[in-house]
Amino acid sequence: MDLSGANGAEPVEVVRGFGTIAHANAFARRYVRDSVDICRGAGMDAKAVMAAWGTFGEDAEVDGAGDDAWRSATELADFAARPAADAEERNWRILDPRRDEDDDEEEGEE
């Protein structure tokens, strides 16, 4: 979900194709973690990071998993308080199921 409204009438993008709830949860967590860190500027405290993320960031939800779904609210304060320890914490692209679709298309072109 684009919190900035920059996507106009399409503020929500639906990503499908996750093999498991754990896969979807890991993707959503890393996606939000990356968004928070992108909104972090030098010298910003946690409150300022949260304000920037709420204005310019992107949130994610896992639908259809009930109580097993990861929710950004459970970790958002921690994300704002401390930058990611390493790049892996932010690497949602490696978990993106759309990546597999792109790989399949490239193989078909060869």
Protein backbone atom coordinates (compact mmCIF):
# COMPACT_ATOMS: atom_id res chain seq x y z
CA MET A 1 0.00 0.00 0.00
CA ASP A 2 1.46 3.30 -1.10
CA LEU A 3 1.01 5.61 1.89
CA SER A 4 1.99 8.71 -0.07
CA GLY A 5 -0.94 8.61 -2.46
CA ALA A 6 1.49 8.88 -5.38
CA ASN A 7 -0.23 5.99 -7.13
CA GLY A 8 -3.46 7.96 -7.36
CA ALA A 9 -6.42 5.66 -7.84
CA GLU A 10 -4.24 2.54 -7.43
CA PRO A 11 -2.64 2.84 -3.97
CA VAL A 12 -2.76 -0.93 -3.42
CA GLU A 13 -0.75 -3.47 -5.40
CA VAL A 14 -1.67 -7.12 -4.93
CA VAL A 15 1.17 -9.62 -5.12
CA ARG A 16 0.16 -13.24 -5.61
CA GLY A 17 2.01 -16.51 -6.03
CA PHE A 18 3.46 -17.15 -2.59
CA GLY A 19 4.02 -20.83 -1.88
CA THR A 20 3.35 -20.58 1.85
CA ILE A 21 2.17 -18.13 4.49
CA ALA A 22 5.76 -17.99 5.77
CA HIS A 23 6.93 -16.91 2.30
CA ALA A 24 4.28 -14.16 2.13
CA ASN A 25 5.09 -13.03 5.68
CA ALA A 26 8.83 -12.83 4.99
CA PHE A 27 8.20 -10.83 1.81
CA ALA A 28 5.85 -8.39 3.55
CA ARG A 29 8.21 -7.92 6.50
CA ARG A 30 11.23 -7.20 4.30
CA TYR A 31 9.18 -4.95 2.03
CA VAL A 32 8.08 -2.76 4.93
CA ARG A 33 11.55 -2.86 6.53
CA ASP A 34 13.06 -1.60 3.29
CA SER A 35 10.43 1.13 2.98
CA VAL A 36 11.12 2.35 6.53
CA ASP A 37 14.86 2.47 5.91
CA ILE A 38 14.38 4.31 2.61
CA CYS A 39 12.45 6.97 4.56
CA ARG A 40 15.22 7.28 7.17
CA GLY A 41 17.40 10.36 6.82
CA ALA A 42 20.68 11.08 8.55
CA GLY A 43 20.19 12.02 12.18
CA MET A 44 16.46 11.23 12.27
CA ASP A 45 15.07 9.84 15.51
CA ALA A 46 12.45 7.06 15.55
CA LYS A 47 9.56 9.52 15.73
CA ALA A 48 10.77 11.39 12.64
CA VAL A 49 11.31 8.12 10.76
CA MET A 50 7.75 7.04 11.58
CA ALA A 51 6.40 10.38 10.39
CA ALA A 52 8.34 10.16 7.13
CA TRP A 53 7.25 6.56 6.57
CA GLY A 54 3.61 7.46 7.28
CA THR A 55 3.83 10.18 4.65
CA PHE A 56 6.04 8.62 1.98
CA GLY A 57 6.41 4.91 2.79
CA GLU A 58 4.76 1.70 1.75
CA ASP A 59 2.99 -0.79 4.00
CA ALA A 60 2.15 -4.44 3.34
CA GLU A 61 -0.48 -6.86 4.61
CA VAL A 62 -0.80 -10.59 4.24
CA ASP A 63 -4.42 -11.47 3.49
CA GLY A 64 -6.01 -14.83 4.09
CA ALA A 65 -3.65 -16.00 6.82
CA GLY A 66 -5.75 -15.05 9.85
CA ASP A 67 -3.73 -14.92 13.05
CA ASP A 68 -0.67 -16.28 11.23
CA ALA A 69 -0.34 -13.14 9.08
CA TRP A 70 2.56 -10.79 9.72
CA ARG A 71 1.45 -7.27 10.54
CA SER A 72 3.65 -4.21 10.26
CA ALA A 73 2.25 -2.74 13.48
CA THR A 74 4.03 -5.44 15.50
CA GLU A 75 7.51 -4.35 14.35
CA LEU A 76 7.15 -0.83 13.00
CA ALA A 77 8.44 0.91 16.15
CA ASP A 78 11.53 -1.32 16.16
CA PHE A 79 12.13 -0.71 12.45
CA ALA A 80 11.95 3.05 13.04
CA ALA A 81 14.22 2.91 16.07
CA ARG A 82 17.08 1.08 14.38
CA PRO A 83 18.28 0.71 10.79
CA ALA A 84 18.50 -2.77 9.32
CA ALA A 85 21.62 -4.61 10.49
CA ASP A 86 22.38 -5.92 7.00
CA ALA A 87 21.10 -5.79 3.44
CA GLU A 88 19.39 -9.18 3.76
CA GLU A 89 16.82 -7.72 6.18
CA ARG A 90 15.69 -5.41 3.37
CA ASN A 91 15.99 -7.77 0.40
CA TRP A 92 12.34 -8.38 -0.45
CA ARG A 93 13.14 -8.76 -4.15
CA ILE A 94 14.70 -12.18 -3.63
CA LEU A 95 11.37 -13.34 -2.14
CA ASP A 96 9.14 -11.72 -4.77
CA PRO A 97 7.13 -14.45 -6.54
CA ARG A 98 6.87 -12.21 -9.60
CA ARG A 99 10.61 -12.72 -10.00
CA ASP A 100 9.95 -16.40 -10.74
CA GLU A 101 7.49 -15.38 -13.47
CA ASP A 102 10.11 -13.08 -15.02
CA ASP A 103 12.68 -15.90 -14.93
CA ASP A 104 10.23 -18.24 -16.67
CA GLU A 105 9.60 -15.66 -19.41
CA GLU A 106 13.34 -15.17 -19.98
CA GLU A 107 13.89 -18.94 -20.27
CA GLY A 108 11.12 -19.11 -22.89
CA GLU A 109 12.86 -16.42 -24.96
CA GLU A 110 16.14 -18.33 -25.19
